[in-house]
Structure formats: C-alpha cells, structure tokens
Amino acid sequence: MYPKPFTIPAYWSAEQAMAVFELLDELRDHIWARYELQLIEAYSEQYQPPPAAVDARAPVDGDDPF
C-alpha cells in the first residue's frame, strides 16, 4: 500500500513552517543516531548497481577472449 500524498497547507505562517522543518530535521538526526549502521547498509544495498550493469566487456571466468 502506497502512502497517501499530502500537501502542505498554504495558510501556515513562516514561523509554523520553520517549526515543522526544525522538528523534521531533529527527527532525522535522532533516527540517524539510532539506526546509522542499518541505514548505511540499506542505502548501499538499495543503490548498488544491478548485476546487468556490470561491464559486459569484462571477461567472465573461463570466457577469456584471447
């Protein structure tokens, strides 16, 4: 199930928007402090190139072109 999209209210004052921004920033810092290693692992797995993206010109074991 995908999260429902949301919009930011147009009636917020600059102070309200800043308060929400600061809250989210602090929350991000706390999450990073608690889950740093797990997040690094998850990011590296998520952004690894797919196996097909490996250089197809590189010889594979036993597949030496010379």
C-alpha atoms as a PDB file:
ATOM      1  CA  MET A   1       0.000   0.000   0.000  1.00  0.00           C
ATOM      2  CA  TYR A   2       1.433   3.354  -1.003  1.00  0.00           C
ATOM      3  CA  PRO A   3       1.291   6.323   1.353  1.00  0.00           C
ATOM      4  CA  LYS A   4      -1.313   8.899   0.535  1.00  0.00           C
ATOM      5  CA  PRO A   5       0.150  12.061  -0.964  1.00  0.00           C
ATOM      6  CA  PHE A   6      -0.216  15.133   1.174  1.00  0.00           C
ATOM      7  CA  THR A   7       0.050  18.823   0.660  1.00  0.00           C
ATOM      8  CA  ILE A   8       1.470  21.478   2.890  1.00  0.00           C
ATOM      9  CA  PRO A   9      -1.172  23.957   3.982  1.00  0.00           C
ATOM     10  CA  ALA A  10      -0.895  27.305   2.233  1.00  0.00           C
ATOM     11  CA  TYR A  11      -2.120  29.093   5.346  1.00  0.00           C
ATOM     12  CA  TRP A  12       0.908  28.259   7.525  1.00  0.00           C
ATOM     13  CA  SER A  13       2.917  31.218   8.689  1.00  0.00           C
ATOM     14  CA  ALA A  14       6.658  31.271   8.120  1.00  0.00           C
ATOM     15  CA  GLU A  15       7.097  30.513  11.824  1.00  0.00           C
ATOM     16  CA  GLN A  16       4.848  27.446  11.609  1.00  0.00           C
ATOM     17  CA  ALA A  17       6.676  26.189   8.547  1.00  0.00           C
ATOM     18  CA  MET A  18      10.024  26.694  10.281  1.00  0.00           C
ATOM     19  CA  ALA A  19       8.816  24.830  13.371  1.00  0.00           C
ATOM     20  CA  VAL A  20       7.791  21.822  11.272  1.00  0.00           C
ATOM     21  CA  PHE A  21      11.066  21.967   9.337  1.00  0.00           C
ATOM     22  CA  GLU A  22      13.092  22.021  12.557  1.00  0.00           C
ATOM     23  CA  LEU A  23      11.040  19.160  14.015  1.00  0.00           C
ATOM     24  CA  LEU A  24      11.657  17.009  10.943  1.00  0.00           C
ATOM     25  CA  ASP A  25      15.345  17.882  10.925  1.00  0.00           C
ATOM     26  CA  GLU A  26      15.695  16.894  14.575  1.00  0.00           C
ATOM     27  CA  LEU A  27      13.723  13.703  13.993  1.00  0.00           C
ATOM     28  CA  ARG A  28      16.059  12.825  11.103  1.00  0.00           C
ATOM     29  CA  ASP A  29      19.077  13.360  13.370  1.00  0.00           C
ATOM     30  CA  HIS A  30      17.615  11.118  16.080  1.00  0.00           C
ATOM     31  CA  ILE A  31      16.762   8.375  13.591  1.00  0.00           C
ATOM     32  CA  TRP A  32      20.274   8.545  12.106  1.00  0.00           C
ATOM     33  CA  ALA A  33      21.858   8.372  15.577  1.00  0.00           C
ATOM     34  CA  ARG A  34      19.843   5.263  16.437  1.00  0.00           C
ATOM     35  CA  TYR A  35      19.973   3.389  13.110  1.00  0.00           C
ATOM     36  CA  GLU A  36      23.171   4.674  11.456  1.00  0.00           C
ATOM     37  CA  LEU A  37      24.723   1.297  10.610  1.00  0.00           C
ATOM     38  CA  GLN A  38      21.452  -0.232   9.437  1.00  0.00           C
ATOM     39  CA  LEU A  39      20.720   2.810   7.284  1.00  0.00           C
ATOM     40  CA  ILE A  40      24.173   2.709   5.700  1.00  0.00           C
ATOM     41  CA  GLU A  41      23.656  -0.975   4.852  1.00  0.00           C
ATOM     42  CA  ALA A  42      20.189  -0.325   3.467  1.00  0.00           C
ATOM     43  CA  TYR A  43      21.416   2.592   1.346  1.00  0.00           C
ATOM     44  CA  SER A  44      24.308   0.594  -0.060  1.00  0.00           C
ATOM     45  CA  GLU A  45      22.010  -2.325  -0.947  1.00  0.00           C
ATOM     46  CA  GLN A  46      19.408  -0.023  -2.457  1.00  0.00           C
ATOM     47  CA  TYR A  47      21.871   1.910  -4.590  1.00  0.00           C
ATOM     48  CA  GLN A  48      24.096  -0.947  -5.720  1.00  0.00           C
ATOM     49  CA  PRO A  49      24.173  -1.224  -9.486  1.00  0.00           C
ATOM     50  CA  PRO A  50      22.088  -4.133 -10.738  1.00  0.00           C
ATOM     51  CA  PRO A  51      24.087  -7.198 -11.853  1.00  0.00           C
ATOM     52  CA  ALA A  52      23.334  -6.419 -15.516  1.00  0.00           C
ATOM     53  CA  ALA A  53      25.064  -3.067 -15.106  1.00  0.00           C
ATOM     54  CA  VAL A  54      28.440  -4.754 -14.634  1.00  0.00           C
ATOM     55  CA  ASP A  55      30.742  -4.147 -17.595  1.00  0.00           C
ATOM     56  CA  ALA A  56      29.649  -6.715 -20.160  1.00  0.00           C
ATOM     57  CA  ARG A  57      33.021  -6.410 -21.919  1.00  0.00           C
ATOM     58  CA  ALA A  58      34.902  -7.791 -18.912  1.00  0.00           C
ATOM     59  CA  PRO A  59      35.785 -11.477 -19.372  1.00  0.00           C
ATOM     60  CA  VAL A  60      33.983 -13.939 -17.142  1.00  0.00           C
ATOM     61  CA  ASP A  61      35.910 -16.867 -15.619  1.00  0.00           C
ATOM     62  CA  GLY A  62      36.678 -19.326 -18.397  1.00  0.00           C
ATOM     63  CA  ASP A  63      35.460 -16.861 -21.019  1.00  0.00           C
ATOM     64  CA  ASP A  64      38.853 -15.397 -21.970  1.00  0.00           C
ATOM     65  CA  PRO A  65      38.587 -13.895 -25.464  1.00  0.00           C
ATOM     66  CA  PHE A  66      42.312 -14.452 -26.163  1.00  0.00           C
END
